[in-house]
């Protein structure tokens, strides 16, 4: 009995630690610097910025998935420039035309 309760306690502590670490990770990674554009905001966003880089991506594309975290890192760095360089993305598989 003592062994099973010890295992249950360890497992419970592991789950609690996992929940806290996930919350800490979510807080640091929650800010997205890449703007997500679609037909409702594309024209307004592009016309409002002097310089903007727009990536047209496809979720099924391996190269696009590989680029995504690096694109986000670049956007976070470039957003602090004066003037900021805006990086945006458009889902090329979206049925609505941009």
PDB file of N, CA and C in Angstrom:
ATOM      1  N   UNK A   1       0.814  -1.197   0.000  1.00  0.00           N
ATOM      2  CA  UNK A   1       0.000   0.000   0.000  1.00  0.00           C
ATOM      3  C   UNK A   1       0.851   1.252   0.000  1.00  0.00           C
ATOM      4  N   UNK A   2       1.901   1.260   0.802  1.00  0.00           N
ATOM      5  CA  UNK A   2       2.749   2.440   0.906  1.00  0.00           C
ATOM      6  C   UNK A   2       3.416   2.735  -0.435  1.00  0.00           C
ATOM      7  N   UNK A   3       3.799   1.691  -1.142  1.00  0.00           N
ATOM      8  CA  UNK A   3       4.456   1.864  -2.427  1.00  0.00           C
ATOM      9  C   UNK A   3       3.496   2.476  -3.455  1.00  0.00           C
ATOM     10  N   UNK A   4       2.252   2.031  -3.496  1.00  0.00           N
ATOM     11  CA  UNK A   4       1.301   2.565  -4.471  1.00  0.00           C
ATOM     12  C   UNK A   4       0.928   4.019  -4.140  1.00  0.00           C
ATOM     13  N   UNK A   5       0.818   4.345  -2.852  1.00  0.00           N
ATOM     14  CA  UNK A   5       0.513   5.731  -2.508  1.00  0.00           C
ATOM     15  C   UNK A   5       1.705   6.640  -2.803  1.00  0.00           C
ATOM     16  N   UNK A   6       2.899   6.111  -2.665  1.00  0.00           N
ATOM     17  CA  UNK A   6       4.102   6.882  -2.988  1.00  0.00           C
ATOM     18  C   UNK A   6       4.165   7.150  -4.493  1.00  0.00           C
ATOM     19  N   UNK A   7       3.831   6.146  -5.282  1.00  0.00           N
ATOM     20  CA  UNK A   7       3.807   6.311  -6.736  1.00  0.00           C
ATOM     21  C   UNK A   7       2.743   7.325  -7.135  1.00  0.00           C
ATOM     22  N   UNK A   8       1.578   7.245  -6.516  1.00  0.00           N
ATOM     23  CA  UNK A   8       0.493   8.189  -6.795  1.00  0.00           C
ATOM     24  C   UNK A   8       0.920   9.609  -6.436  1.00  0.00           C
ATOM     25  N   UNK A   9       1.588   9.780  -5.308  1.00  0.00           N
ATOM     26  CA  UNK A   9       2.057  11.099  -4.886  1.00  0.00           C
ATOM     27  C   UNK A   9       3.084  11.642  -5.883  1.00  0.00           C
ATOM     28  N   UNK A  10       4.033  10.825  -6.288  1.00  0.00           N
ATOM     29  CA  UNK A  10       5.041  11.253  -7.262  1.00  0.00           C
ATOM     30  C   UNK A  10       4.402  11.622  -8.588  1.00  0.00           C
ATOM     31  N   UNK A  11       3.452  10.825  -9.023  1.00  0.00           N
ATOM     32  CA  UNK A  11       2.754  11.104 -10.278  1.00  0.00           C
ATOM     33  C   UNK A  11       1.981  12.416 -10.180  1.00  0.00           C
ATOM     34  N   UNK A  12       1.304  12.636  -9.052  1.00  0.00           N
ATOM     35  CA  UNK A  12       0.546  13.867  -8.850  1.00  0.00           C
ATOM     36  C   UNK A  12       1.470  15.079  -8.867  1.00  0.00           C
ATOM     37  N   UNK A  13       2.605  14.978  -8.196  1.00  0.00           N
ATOM     38  CA  UNK A  13       3.564  16.080  -8.194  1.00  0.00           C
ATOM     39  C   UNK A  13       4.113  16.341  -9.598  1.00  0.00           C
ATOM     40  N   UNK A  14       4.316  15.278 -10.345  1.00  0.00           N
ATOM     41  CA  UNK A  14       4.786  15.424 -11.727  1.00  0.00           C
ATOM     42  C   UNK A  14       3.758  16.178 -12.572  1.00  0.00           C
ATOM     43  N   UNK A  15       2.494  15.818 -12.434  1.00  0.00           N
ATOM     44  CA  UNK A  15       1.418  16.481 -13.190  1.00  0.00           C
ATOM     45  C   UNK A  15       1.319  17.950 -12.799  1.00  0.00           C
ATOM     46  N   UNK A  16       1.403  18.251 -11.528  1.00  0.00           N
ATOM     47  CA  UNK A  16       1.337  19.641 -11.074  1.00  0.00           C
ATOM     48  C   UNK A  16       2.522  20.437 -11.628  1.00  0.00           C
ATOM     49  N   UNK A  17       3.701  19.856 -11.564  1.00  0.00           N
ATOM     50  CA  UNK A  17       4.889  20.537 -12.103  1.00  0.00           C
ATOM     51  C   UNK A  17       4.753  20.759 -13.603  1.00  0.00           C
ATOM     52  N   UNK A  18       4.205  19.799 -14.292  1.00  0.00           N
ATOM     53  CA  UNK A  18       3.998  19.914 -15.725  1.00  0.00           C
ATOM     54  C   UNK A  18       3.030  21.051 -16.047  1.00  0.00           C
ATOM     55  N   UNK A  19       1.969  21.160 -15.276  1.00  0.00           N
ATOM     56  CA  UNK A  19       0.993  22.239 -15.482  1.00  0.00           C
ATOM     57  C   UNK A  19       1.636  23.602 -15.264  1.00  0.00           C
ATOM     58  N   UNK A  20       2.432  23.743 -14.205  1.00  0.00           N
ATOM     59  CA  UNK A  20       3.089  25.018 -13.946  1.00  0.00           C
ATOM     60  C   UNK A  20       4.111  25.349 -15.023  1.00  0.00           C
ATOM     61  N   UNK A  21       4.857  24.368 -15.474  1.00  0.00           N
ATOM     62  CA  UNK A  21       5.852  24.645 -16.502  1.00  0.00           C
ATOM     63  C   UNK A  21       5.173  25.003 -17.812  1.00  0.00           C
ATOM     64  N   UNK A  22       4.046  24.406 -18.119  1.00  0.00           N
ATOM     65  CA  UNK A  22       3.310  24.749 -19.328  1.00  0.00           C
ATOM     66  C   UNK A  22       2.808  26.171 -19.248  1.00  0.00           C
ATOM     67  N   UNK A  23       2.292  26.586 -18.095  1.00  0.00           N
ATOM     68  CA  UNK A  23       1.817  27.955 -17.926  1.00  0.00           C
ATOM     69  C   UNK A  23       2.959  28.952 -18.075  1.00  0.00           C
ATOM     70  N   UNK A  24       4.120  28.654 -17.540  1.00  0.00           N
ATOM     71  CA  UNK A  24       5.265  29.548 -17.686  1.00  0.00           C
ATOM     72  C   UNK A  24       5.707  29.619 -19.135  1.00  0.00           C
ATOM     73  N   UNK A  25       5.706  28.491 -19.806  1.00  0.00           N
ATOM     74  CA  UNK A  25       6.092  28.456 -21.210  1.00  0.00           C
ATOM     75  C   UNK A  25       5.096  29.236 -22.058  1.00  0.00           C
ATOM     76  N   UNK A  26       3.804  29.084 -21.788  1.00  0.00           N
ATOM     77  CA  UNK A  26       2.776  29.784 -22.549  1.00  0.00           C
ATOM     78  C   UNK A  26       2.904  31.288 -22.396  1.00  0.00           C
ATOM     79  N   UNK A  27       3.264  31.765 -21.198  1.00  0.00           N
ATOM     80  CA  UNK A  27       3.399  33.191 -20.979  1.00  0.00           C
ATOM     81  C   UNK A  27       4.550  33.773 -21.792  1.00  0.00           C
ATOM     82  N   UNK A  28       5.650  33.048 -21.885  1.00  0.00           N
ATOM     83  CA  UNK A  28       6.792  33.576 -22.618  1.00  0.00           C
ATOM     84  C   UNK A  28       6.604  33.443 -24.118  1.00  0.00           C
ATOM     85  N   UNK A  29       5.859  32.477 -24.565  1.00  0.00           N
ATOM     86  CA  UNK A  29       5.687  32.260 -25.990  1.00  0.00           C
ATOM     87  C   UNK A  29       4.369  32.795 -26.523  1.00  0.00           C
ATOM     88  N   UNK A  30       3.562  33.428 -25.706  1.00  0.00           N
ATOM     89  CA  UNK A  30       2.226  33.812 -26.144  1.00  0.00           C
ATOM     90  C   UNK A  30       2.235  35.008 -27.089  1.00  0.00           C
ATOM     91  N   UNK A  31       3.209  35.899 -26.977  1.00  0.00           N
ATOM     92  CA  UNK A  31       3.240  37.076 -27.833  1.00  0.00           C
ATOM     93  C   UNK A  31       3.717  36.682 -29.220  1.00  0.00           C
ATOM     94  N   UNK A  32       2.879  36.951 -30.184  1.00  0.00           N
ATOM     95  CA  UNK A  32       3.238  36.682 -31.571  1.00  0.00           C
ATOM     96  C   UNK A  32       3.554  37.999 -32.260  1.00  0.00           C
ATOM     97  N   UNK A  33       4.673  38.050 -32.934  1.00  0.00           N
ATOM     98  CA  UNK A  33       5.095  39.262 -33.619  1.00  0.00           C
ATOM     99  C   UNK A  33       4.718  39.246 -35.092  1.00  0.00           C
ATOM    100  N   UNK A  34       4.459  38.061 -35.648  1.00  0.00           N
ATOM    101  CA  UNK A  34       4.055  37.956 -37.049  1.00  0.00           C
ATOM    102  C   UNK A  34       2.556  38.211 -37.122  1.00  0.00           C
ATOM    103  N   UNK A  35       2.177  39.191 -37.936  1.00  0.00           N
ATOM    104  CA  UNK A  35       0.760  39.484 -38.118  1.00  0.00           C
ATOM    105  C   UNK A  35       0.136  38.431 -39.020  1.00  0.00           C
ATOM    106  N   UNK A  36      -1.071  38.018 -38.701  1.00  0.00           N
ATOM    107  CA  UNK A  36      -1.809  37.084 -39.541  1.00  0.00           C
ATOM    108  C   UNK A  36      -2.809  37.879 -40.364  1.00  0.00           C
ATOM    109  N   UNK A  37      -2.659  37.785 -41.666  1.00  0.00           N
ATOM    110  CA  UNK A  37      -3.517  38.543 -42.575  1.00  0.00           C
ATOM    111  C   UNK A  37      -4.464  37.610 -43.313  1.00  0.00           C
ATOM    112  N   UNK A  38      -5.605  38.167 -43.693  1.00  0.00           N
ATOM    113  CA  UNK A  38      -6.574  37.472 -44.535  1.00  0.00           C
ATOM    114  C   UNK A  38      -7.293  38.531 -45.361  1.00  0.00           C
ATOM    115  N   UNK A  39      -8.339  38.148 -46.038  1.00  0.00           N
ATOM    116  CA  UNK A  39      -9.031  39.094 -46.912  1.00  0.00           C
ATOM    117  C   UNK A  39      -9.659  40.258 -46.147  1.00  0.00           C
ATOM    118  N   UNK A  40      -9.909  40.085 -44.865  1.00  0.00           N
ATOM    119  CA  UNK A  40     -10.557  41.157 -44.097  1.00  0.00           C
ATOM    120  C   UNK A  40      -9.586  42.254 -43.662  1.00  0.00           C
ATOM    121  N   UNK A  41      -8.291  41.951 -43.571  1.00  0.00           N
ATOM    122  CA  UNK A  41      -7.366  42.960 -43.064  1.00  0.00           C
ATOM    123  C   UNK A  41      -6.123  43.174 -43.929  1.00  0.00           C
ATOM    124  N   UNK A  42      -6.009  42.470 -45.041  1.00  0.00           N
ATOM    125  CA  UNK A  42      -4.797  42.539 -45.858  1.00  0.00           C
ATOM    126  C   UNK A  42      -4.535  43.944 -46.391  1.00  0.00           C
ATOM    127  N   UNK A  43      -5.468  44.509 -47.119  1.00  0.00           N
ATOM    128  CA  UNK A  43      -5.267  45.810 -47.765  1.00  0.00           C
ATOM    129  C   UNK A  43      -4.997  46.910 -46.749  1.00  0.00           C
ATOM    130  N   UNK A  44      -5.783  46.963 -45.699  1.00  0.00           N
ATOM    131  CA  UNK A  44      -5.594  47.994 -44.676  1.00  0.00           C
ATOM    132  C   UNK A  44      -4.229  47.887 -44.015  1.00  0.00           C
ATOM    133  N   UNK A  45      -3.828  46.669 -43.683  1.00  0.00           N
ATOM    134  CA  UNK A  45      -2.547  46.465 -42.999  1.00  0.00           C
ATOM    135  C   UNK A  45      -1.383  46.817 -43.899  1.00  0.00           C
ATOM    136  N   UNK A  46      -1.405  46.367 -45.138  1.00  0.00           N
ATOM    137  CA  UNK A  46      -0.300  46.624 -46.059  1.00  0.00           C
ATOM    138  C   UNK A  46      -0.194  48.121 -46.366  1.00  0.00           C
ATOM    139  N   UNK A  47      -1.314  48.790 -46.538  1.00  0.00           N
ATOM    140  CA  UNK A  47      -1.272  50.217 -46.864  1.00  0.00           C
ATOM    141  C   UNK A  47      -0.855  51.079 -45.671  1.00  0.00           C
ATOM    142  N   UNK A  48      -1.042  50.589 -44.476  1.00  0.00           N
ATOM    143  CA  UNK A  48      -0.730  51.360 -43.278  1.00  0.00           C
ATOM    144  C   UNK A  48       0.755  51.349 -42.927  1.00  0.00           C
ATOM    145  N   UNK A  49       1.526  50.400 -43.421  1.00  0.00           N
ATOM    146  CA  UNK A  49       2.942  50.281 -43.078  1.00  0.00           C
ATOM    147  C   UNK A  49       3.824  50.690 -44.262  1.00  0.00           C
ATOM    148  N   UNK A  50       4.909  51.412 -43.951  1.00  0.00           N
ATOM    149  CA  UNK A  50       5.854  51.813 -44.997  1.00  0.00           C
ATOM    150  C   UNK A  50       6.592  50.619 -45.578  1.00  0.00           C
ATOM    151  N   UNK A  51       6.936  49.658 -44.713  1.00  0.00           N
ATOM    152  CA  UNK A  51       7.663  48.470 -45.158  1.00  0.00           C
ATOM    153  C   UNK A  51       7.086  47.259 -44.436  1.00  0.00           C
ATOM    154  N   UNK A  52       6.663  46.278 -45.209  1.00  0.00           N
ATOM    155  CA  UNK A  52       6.089  45.056 -44.635  1.00  0.00           C
ATOM    156  C   UNK A  52       6.513  43.870 -45.494  1.00  0.00           C
ATOM    157  N   UNK A  53       6.855  42.777 -44.856  1.00  0.00           N
ATOM    158  CA  UNK A  53       7.205  41.535 -45.555  1.00  0.00           C
ATOM    159  C   UNK A  53       6.066  40.561 -45.293  1.00  0.00           C
ATOM    160  N   UNK A  54       5.478  40.029 -46.367  1.00  0.00           N
ATOM    161  CA  UNK A  54       4.353  39.108 -46.234  1.00  0.00           C
ATOM    162  C   UNK A  54       4.755  37.749 -46.789  1.00  0.00           C
ATOM    163  N   UNK A  55       4.616  36.742 -45.948  1.00  0.00           N
ATOM    164  CA  UNK A  55       4.872  35.360 -46.359  1.00  0.00           C
ATOM    165  C   UNK A  55       3.533  34.714 -46.704  1.00  0.00           C
ATOM    166  N   UNK A  56       3.451  34.124 -47.880  1.00  0.00           N
ATOM    167  CA  UNK A  56       2.294  33.335 -48.259  1.00  0.00           C
ATOM    168  C   UNK A  56       2.687  31.879 -48.037  1.00  0.00           C
ATOM    169  N   UNK A  57       2.018  31.236 -47.094  1.00  0.00           N
ATOM    170  CA  UNK A  57       2.422  29.898 -46.682  1.00  0.00           C
ATOM    171  C   UNK A  57       1.288  28.898 -46.869  1.00  0.00           C
ATOM    172  N   UNK A  58       1.659  27.626 -46.822  1.00  0.00           N
ATOM    173  CA  UNK A  58       0.686  26.540 -46.858  1.00  0.00           C
ATOM    174  C   UNK A  58       0.994  25.616 -45.682  1.00  0.00           C
ATOM    175  N   UNK A  59      -0.030  25.264 -44.935  1.00  0.00           N
ATOM    176  CA  UNK A  59       0.162  24.423 -43.756  1.00  0.00           C
ATOM    177  C   UNK A  59       0.779  23.067 -44.091  1.00  0.00           C
ATOM    178  N   UNK A  60       0.524  22.568 -45.288  1.00  0.00           N
ATOM    179  CA  UNK A  60       1.030  21.253 -45.679  1.00  0.00           C
ATOM    180  C   UNK A  60       2.487  21.303 -46.137  1.00  0.00           C
ATOM    181  N   UNK A  61       3.032  22.509 -46.348  1.00  0.00           N
ATOM    182  CA  UNK A  61       4.380  22.667 -46.889  1.00  0.00           C
ATOM    183  C   UNK A  61       5.442  22.501 -45.794  1.00  0.00           C
ATOM    184  N   UNK A  62       6.321  21.559 -45.989  1.00  0.00           N
ATOM    185  CA  UNK A  62       7.384  21.290 -45.015  1.00  0.00           C
ATOM    186  C   UNK A  62       8.308  22.496 -44.867  1.00  0.00           C
ATOM    187  N   UNK A  63       8.610  23.174 -45.952  1.00  0.00           N
ATOM    188  CA  UNK A  63       9.501  24.335 -45.895  1.00  0.00           C
ATOM    189  C   UNK A  63       8.851  25.476 -45.112  1.00  0.00           C
ATOM    190  N   UNK A  64       7.553  25.648 -45.305  1.00  0.00           N
ATOM    191  CA  UNK A  64       6.831  26.692 -44.569  1.00  0.00           C
ATOM    192  C   UNK A  64       6.823  26.396 -43.072  1.00  0.00           C
ATOM    193  N   UNK A  65       6.628  25.137 -42.716  1.00  0.00           N
ATOM    194  CA  UNK A  65       6.633  24.750 -41.289  1.00  0.00           C
ATOM    195  C   UNK A  65       8.017  24.931 -40.683  1.00  0.00           C
ATOM    196  N   UNK A  66       9.052  24.668 -41.468  1.00  0.00           N
ATOM    197  CA  UNK A  66      10.420  24.861 -40.989  1.00  0.00           C
ATOM    198  C   UNK A  66      10.733  26.343 -40.816  1.00  0.00           C
ATOM    199  N   UNK A  67      10.222  27.168 -41.707  1.00  0.00           N
ATOM    200  CA  UNK A  67      10.470  28.602 -41.655  1.00  0.00           C
ATOM    201  C   UNK A  67       9.727  29.282 -40.503  1.00  0.00           C
ATOM    202  N   UNK A  68       8.569  28.785 -40.121  1.00  0.00           N
ATOM    203  CA  UNK A  68       7.685  29.474 -39.171  1.00  0.00           C
ATOM    204  C   UNK A  68       8.369  29.936 -37.884  1.00  0.00           C
ATOM    205  N   UNK A  69       9.091  29.090 -37.151  1.00  0.00           N
ATOM    206  CA  UNK A  69       9.701  29.587 -35.907  1.00  0.00           C
ATOM    207  C   UNK A  69      10.810  30.612 -36.165  1.00  0.00           C
ATOM    208  N   UNK A  70      11.536  30.460 -37.256  1.00  0.00           N
ATOM    209  CA  UNK A  70      12.599  31.423 -37.580  1.00  0.00           C
ATOM    210  C   UNK A  70      11.993  32.756 -38.025  1.00  0.00           C
ATOM    211  N   UNK A  71      10.895  32.694 -38.733  1.00  0.00           N
ATOM    212  CA  UNK A  71      10.177  33.893 -39.173  1.00  0.00           C
ATOM    213  C   UNK A  71       9.656  34.656 -37.957  1.00  0.00           C
ATOM    214  N   UNK A  72       9.140  33.922 -36.970  1.00  0.00           N
ATOM    215  CA  UNK A  72       8.662  34.535 -35.732  1.00  0.00           C
ATOM    216  C   UNK A  72       9.815  35.188 -34.962  1.00  0.00           C
ATOM    217  N   UNK A  73      10.959  34.521 -34.893  1.00  0.00           N
ATOM    218  CA  UNK A  73      12.135  35.105 -34.227  1.00  0.00           C
ATOM    219  C   UNK A  73      12.557  36.391 -34.931  1.00  0.00           C
ATOM    220  N   UNK A  74      12.607  36.340 -36.250  1.00  0.00           N
ATOM    221  CA  UNK A  74      12.985  37.531 -37.018  1.00  0.00           C
ATOM    222  C   UNK A  74      11.997  38.665 -36.778  1.00  0.00           C
ATOM    223  N   UNK A  75      10.714  38.344 -36.734  1.00  0.00           N
ATOM    224  CA  UNK A  75       9.692  39.369 -36.500  1.00  0.00           C
ATOM    225  C   UNK A  75       9.859  40.009 -35.134  1.00  0.00           C
ATOM    226  N   UNK A  76      10.216  39.214 -34.126  1.00  0.00           N
ATOM    227  CA  UNK A  76      10.396  39.777 -32.784  1.00  0.00           C
ATOM    228  C   UNK A  76      11.596  40.720 -32.748  1.00  0.00           C
ATOM    229  N   UNK A  77      12.648  40.389 -33.464  1.00  0.00           N
ATOM    230  CA  UNK A  77      13.835  41.243 -33.511  1.00  0.00           C
ATOM    231  C   UNK A  77      13.555  42.508 -34.320  1.00  0.00           C
ATOM    232  N   UNK A  78      12.949  42.349 -35.491  1.00  0.00           N
ATOM    233  CA  UNK A  78      12.710  43.487 -36.379  1.00  0.00           C
ATOM    234  C   UNK A  78      11.639  44.441 -35.855  1.00  0.00           C
ATOM    235  N   UNK A  79      10.793  43.970 -34.959  1.00  0.00           N
ATOM    236  CA  UNK A  79       9.746  44.841 -34.416  1.00  0.00           C
ATOM    237  C   UNK A  79      10.327  45.928 -33.518  1.00  0.00           C
ATOM    238  N   UNK A  80      11.550  45.719 -33.040  1.00  0.00           N
ATOM    239  CA  UNK A  80      12.166  46.721 -32.170  1.00  0.00           C
ATOM    240  C   UNK A  80      12.973  47.758 -32.952  1.00  0.00           C
ATOM    241  N   UNK A  81      13.076  47.607 -34.271  1.00  0.00           N
ATOM    242  CA  UNK A  81      13.765  48.611 -35.092  1.00  0.00           C
ATOM    243  C   UNK A  81      12.987  49.919 -35.089  1.00  0.00           C
ATOM    244  N   UNK A  82      13.672  50.991 -35.471  1.00  0.00           N
ATOM    245  CA  UNK A  82      13.013  52.294 -35.579  1.00  0.00           C
ATOM    246  C   UNK A  82      13.231  52.820 -36.989  1.00  0.00           C
ATOM    247  N   UNK A  83      12.272  52.779 -37.872  1.00  0.00           N
ATOM    248  CA  UNK A  83      10.900  52.283 -37.684  1.00  0.00           C
ATOM    249  C   UNK A  83      10.873  50.757 -37.716  1.00  0.00           C
ATOM    250  N   UNK A  84       9.857  50.177 -37.105  1.00  0.00           N
ATOM    251  CA  UNK A  84       9.784  48.708 -37.063  1.00  0.00           C
ATOM    252  C   UNK A  84       9.554  48.119 -38.454  1.00  0.00           C
ATOM    253  N   UNK A  85      10.132  46.945 -38.667  1.00  0.00           N
ATOM    254  CA  UNK A  85       9.887  46.193 -39.898  1.00  0.00           C
ATOM    255  C   UNK A  85       8.838  45.157 -39.543  1.00  0.00           C
ATOM    256  N   UNK A  86       7.734  45.180 -40.245  1.00  0.00           N
ATOM    257  CA  UNK A  86       6.601  44.310 -39.951  1.00  0.00           C
ATOM    258  C   UNK A  86       6.697  43.046 -40.796  1.00  0.00           C
ATOM    259  N   UNK A  87       6.557  41.901 -40.150  1.00  0.00           N
ATOM    260  CA  UNK A  87       6.476  40.626 -40.849  1.00  0.00           C
ATOM    261  C   UNK A  87       5.058  40.090 -40.670  1.00  0.00           C
ATOM    262  N   UNK A  88       4.480  39.626 -41.765  1.00  0.00           N
ATOM    263  CA  UNK A  88       3.112  39.123 -41.743  1.00  0.00           C
ATOM    264  C   UNK A  88       3.049  37.817 -42.516  1.00  0.00           C
ATOM    265  N   UNK A  89       1.932  37.133 -42.362  1.00  0.00           N
ATOM    266  CA  UNK A  89       1.759  35.869 -43.072  1.00  0.00           C
ATOM    267  C   UNK A  89       0.316  35.746 -43.546  1.00  0.00           C
ATOM    268  N   UNK A  90       0.156  35.027 -44.653  1.00  0.00           N
ATOM    269  CA  UNK A  90      -1.164  34.758 -45.231  1.00  0.00           C
ATOM    270  C   UNK A  90      -1.223  33.272 -45.541  1.00  0.00           C
ATOM    271  N   UNK A  91      -2.278  32.626 -45.099  1.00  0.00           N
ATOM    272  CA  UNK A  91      -2.495  31.211 -45.409  1.00  0.00           C
ATOM    273  C   UNK A  91      -2.910  31.126 -46.874  1.00  0.00           C
ATOM    274  N   UNK A  92      -2.026  30.614 -47.718  1.00  0.00           N
ATOM    275  CA  UNK A  92      -2.283  30.543 -49.162  1.00  0.00           C
ATOM    276  C   UNK A  92      -3.367  29.525 -49.500  1.00  0.00           C
ATOM    277  N   UNK A  93      -3.716  28.657 -48.577  1.00  0.00           N
ATOM    278  CA  UNK A  93      -4.783  27.693 -48.818  1.00  0.00           C
ATOM    279  C   UNK A  93      -6.155  28.234 -48.473  1.00  0.00           C
ATOM    280  N   UNK A  94      -6.186  29.433 -47.868  1.00  0.00           N
ATOM    281  CA  UNK A  94      -7.461  30.030 -47.491  1.00  0.00           C
ATOM    282  C   UNK A  94      -8.281  30.269 -48.749  1.00  0.00           C
ATOM    283  N   UNK A  95      -9.533  29.880 -48.721  1.00  0.00           N
ATOM    284  CA  UNK A  95     -10.392  29.961 -49.899  1.00  0.00           C
ATOM    285  C   UNK A  95     -10.748  31.399 -50.259  1.00  0.00           C
ATOM    286  N   UNK A  96     -10.777  32.299 -49.267  1.00  0.00           N
ATOM    287  CA  UNK A  96     -11.090  33.699 -49.567  1.00  0.00           C
ATOM    288  C   UNK A  96      -9.889  34.346 -50.238  1.00  0.00           C
ATOM    289  N   UNK A  97     -10.134  35.066 -51.303  1.00  0.00           N
ATOM    290  CA  UNK A  97      -9.038  35.707 -52.011  1.00  0.00           C
ATOM    291  C   UNK A  97      -8.616  36.970 -51.275  1.00  0.00           C
ATOM    292  N   UNK A  98      -7.318  37.197 -51.277  1.00  0.00           N
ATOM    293  CA  UNK A  98      -6.768  38.379 -50.601  1.00  0.00           C
ATOM    294  C   UNK A  98      -6.698  39.519 -51.570  1.00  0.00           C
TER     295      UNK A  98
END
